[in-house]
Protein backbone atom coordinates (compact mmCIF):
# COMPACT_ATOMS: atom_id res chain seq x y z
CA MET A 1 2.10 -43.59 -16.50
CA VAL A 2 1.94 -39.77 -16.08
CA VAL A 3 1.07 -40.18 -12.39
CA VAL A 4 4.11 -42.42 -11.85
CA ILE A 5 6.43 -39.95 -13.60
CA TYR A 6 4.95 -37.03 -11.62
CA ALA A 7 5.39 -38.96 -8.37
CA ALA A 8 9.01 -39.76 -9.24
CA VAL A 9 9.80 -36.13 -10.15
CA ARG A 10 8.10 -34.89 -6.98
CA ALA A 11 10.03 -37.40 -4.85
CA ALA A 12 13.31 -36.36 -6.48
CA ALA A 13 12.54 -32.67 -5.88
CA PHE A 14 11.68 -33.35 -2.25
CA SER A 15 14.88 -35.37 -1.81
CA HIS A 16 16.91 -32.50 -3.31
CA ALA A 17 15.20 -29.95 -1.04
CA ALA A 18 15.82 -32.15 2.00
CA ALA A 19 19.50 -32.41 1.05
CA GLN A 20 19.72 -28.60 0.73
CA ILE A 21 18.14 -28.17 4.17
CA LYS A 22 20.58 -30.66 5.66
CA MET A 23 23.48 -28.82 4.00
CA GLY A 24 22.23 -25.56 5.52
CA GLU A 25 22.03 -27.19 8.94
CA ASN A 26 25.61 -28.40 8.53
CA ASN A 27 26.75 -24.88 7.57
CA ILE A 28 25.05 -23.42 10.64
CA SER A 29 26.69 -26.05 12.84
CA LEU A 30 30.08 -25.28 11.31
CA CYS A 31 29.57 -21.54 11.85
CA ARG A 32 28.66 -22.20 15.47
CA ILE A 33 31.85 -24.23 15.91
CA VAL A 34 34.05 -21.62 14.21
CA ASN A 35 32.43 -18.53 15.72
CA GLY A 36 31.50 -20.02 19.08
CA SER A 37 27.91 -18.82 18.89
CA GLU A 38 25.12 -17.83 16.58
CA ALA A 39 26.10 -14.18 17.05
CA GLY A 40 29.03 -14.72 14.69
CA LEU A 41 26.81 -16.70 12.35
CA ALA A 42 25.17 -13.63 10.86
CA SER A 43 28.43 -11.88 10.12
CA SER A 44 30.10 -14.87 8.50
CA CYS A 45 27.07 -15.87 6.45
CA CYS A 46 26.26 -12.32 5.35
CA GLN A 47 29.86 -11.37 4.56
CA PRO A 48 29.67 -12.32 0.85
CA ALA A 49 26.81 -9.84 0.35
CA ALA A 50 28.63 -6.92 2.02
CA PRO A 51 30.69 -5.84 -1.05
CA LEU A 52 27.57 -5.83 -3.21
CA ALA A 53 25.67 -3.79 -0.63
CA ALA A 54 28.57 -1.30 -0.48
CA ALA A 55 28.61 -0.91 -4.26
CA MET A 56 24.86 -0.24 -4.16
CA GLY A 57 25.31 2.61 -1.66
CA GLY A 58 25.35 0.81 1.67
CA ASN A 59 28.10 0.97 4.26
CA PRO A 60 31.58 0.95 2.69
CA PHE A 61 33.26 -2.47 2.57
CA THR A 62 36.70 -2.05 4.16
CA TRP A 63 38.09 -5.58 4.26
CA PRO A 64 41.04 -6.43 1.99
CA ALA A 65 39.78 -7.42 -1.44
CA GLY A 66 41.11 -8.32 -4.84
CA VAL A 67 41.61 -5.25 -6.98
CA TYR A 68 43.04 -4.80 -10.48
CA LEU A 69 46.35 -2.98 -10.21
CA SER A 70 48.30 -1.11 -12.83
CA ASP A 71 50.00 1.61 -10.85
CA GLY A 72 53.64 1.49 -11.88
CA LYS A 73 54.78 -0.80 -9.08
CA PHE A 74 52.26 -3.60 -9.68
CA ASN A 75 50.98 -3.81 -13.25
CA HIS A 76 48.17 -5.74 -14.94
CA ILE A 77 47.43 -8.01 -11.99
CA LEU A 78 44.60 -8.75 -9.59
CA MET A 79 45.90 -8.72 -6.01
CA ALA A 80 44.43 -8.46 -2.54
CA MET A 81 45.02 -4.97 -1.19
CA GLU A 82 43.78 -2.76 1.60
CA THR A 83 40.67 -1.45 -0.11
CA ILE A 84 37.50 0.51 0.36
CA LEU A 85 34.59 -0.49 -1.83
CA ASP A 86 31.73 2.00 -2.06
CA ARG A 87 29.19 3.34 -4.54
CA SER A 88 31.93 5.08 -6.56
CA GLY A 89 34.07 1.94 -6.97
CA VAL A 90 37.11 0.29 -5.44
CA HIS A 91 39.80 2.46 -3.91
CA TYR A 92 43.09 1.18 -2.54
CA ASN A 93 46.02 2.67 -0.76
CA PRO A 94 49.66 1.70 -1.10
CA VAL A 95 50.78 -0.89 1.41
CA TYR A 96 53.68 0.12 3.64
CA GLY A 97 55.53 -2.53 5.55
CA THR A 98 58.94 -3.50 6.73
CA PRO A 99 61.63 -4.11 4.11
CA GLU A 100 61.09 -7.86 4.58
CA GLU A 101 57.33 -7.50 4.07
CA ASP A 102 57.92 -5.40 0.96
CA LYS A 103 60.18 -8.10 -0.47
CA GLU A 104 57.55 -10.76 0.28
CA LEU A 105 54.88 -8.67 -1.44
CA GLU A 106 57.11 -8.26 -4.49
CA ARG A 107 57.73 -12.05 -4.55
CA SER A 108 53.98 -12.60 -4.37
CA TYR A 109 53.45 -10.17 -7.25
CA LYS A 110 56.10 -11.92 -9.35
CA HIS A 111 54.47 -15.29 -8.64
CA LEU A 112 51.06 -13.96 -9.69
CA CYS A 113 52.58 -12.52 -12.87
CA ASP A 114 54.16 -15.89 -13.66
CA LEU A 115 50.78 -17.60 -13.19
CA ARG A 116 49.06 -14.95 -15.34
CA ASP A 117 51.66 -15.42 -18.08
CA GLU A 118 51.16 -19.21 -17.99
CA VAL A 119 47.42 -18.78 -18.46
CA ILE A 120 48.08 -16.38 -21.36
CA ALA A 121 50.50 -18.90 -22.91
CA MET A 122 47.79 -21.59 -22.71
CA GLY A 123 45.51 -19.32 -24.73
CA ILE A 124 42.90 -19.07 -21.98
CA ILE A 125 43.10 -15.29 -21.75
CA PRO A 126 44.48 -12.81 -24.28
CA PRO A 127 47.86 -11.08 -23.95
CA VAL A 128 47.98 -8.10 -21.58
CA SER A 129 48.38 -5.79 -24.58
CA GLU A 130 44.85 -6.75 -25.71
CA TRP A 131 43.05 -6.42 -22.37
CA ASN A 132 41.86 -2.88 -23.09
CA LYS A 133 39.94 -4.25 -26.09
CA LEU A 134 37.82 -6.24 -23.64
CA ASN A 135 37.57 -3.49 -21.02
CA LYS A 136 38.17 0.14 -21.97
CA ASN A 137 39.01 0.96 -18.31
CA ILE A 138 42.19 -1.13 -18.49
CA GLU A 139 45.19 0.77 -19.80
């Protein structure tokens, strides 16, 4: 009986590993299609690790990233901004655009605030006034 159970568990583990390998092959194929070669494969597959490496002292991560904002114009919201992530943290600069782009950014901010307020109303996260109890860095 033990041998049968062991064989079944081993077969299931092998099947799972084979499925993971196949999934990896599919990801590589997709990267080749999107990037046109394996040269782009490394950058697209390694990209999720780049912010972590930057925070640990590697090369700064300079792609736009989500950052918590509370700067007077945009308050208590996580938005994608032009950022630099390095060992000392996340730094962002104000975004300057055309008047139309500024209006679109303000509409996006309002939409995110509405979504945040809905989630607060559902009781999933606490009110903004209580966020600093969870994280002392939030004012």
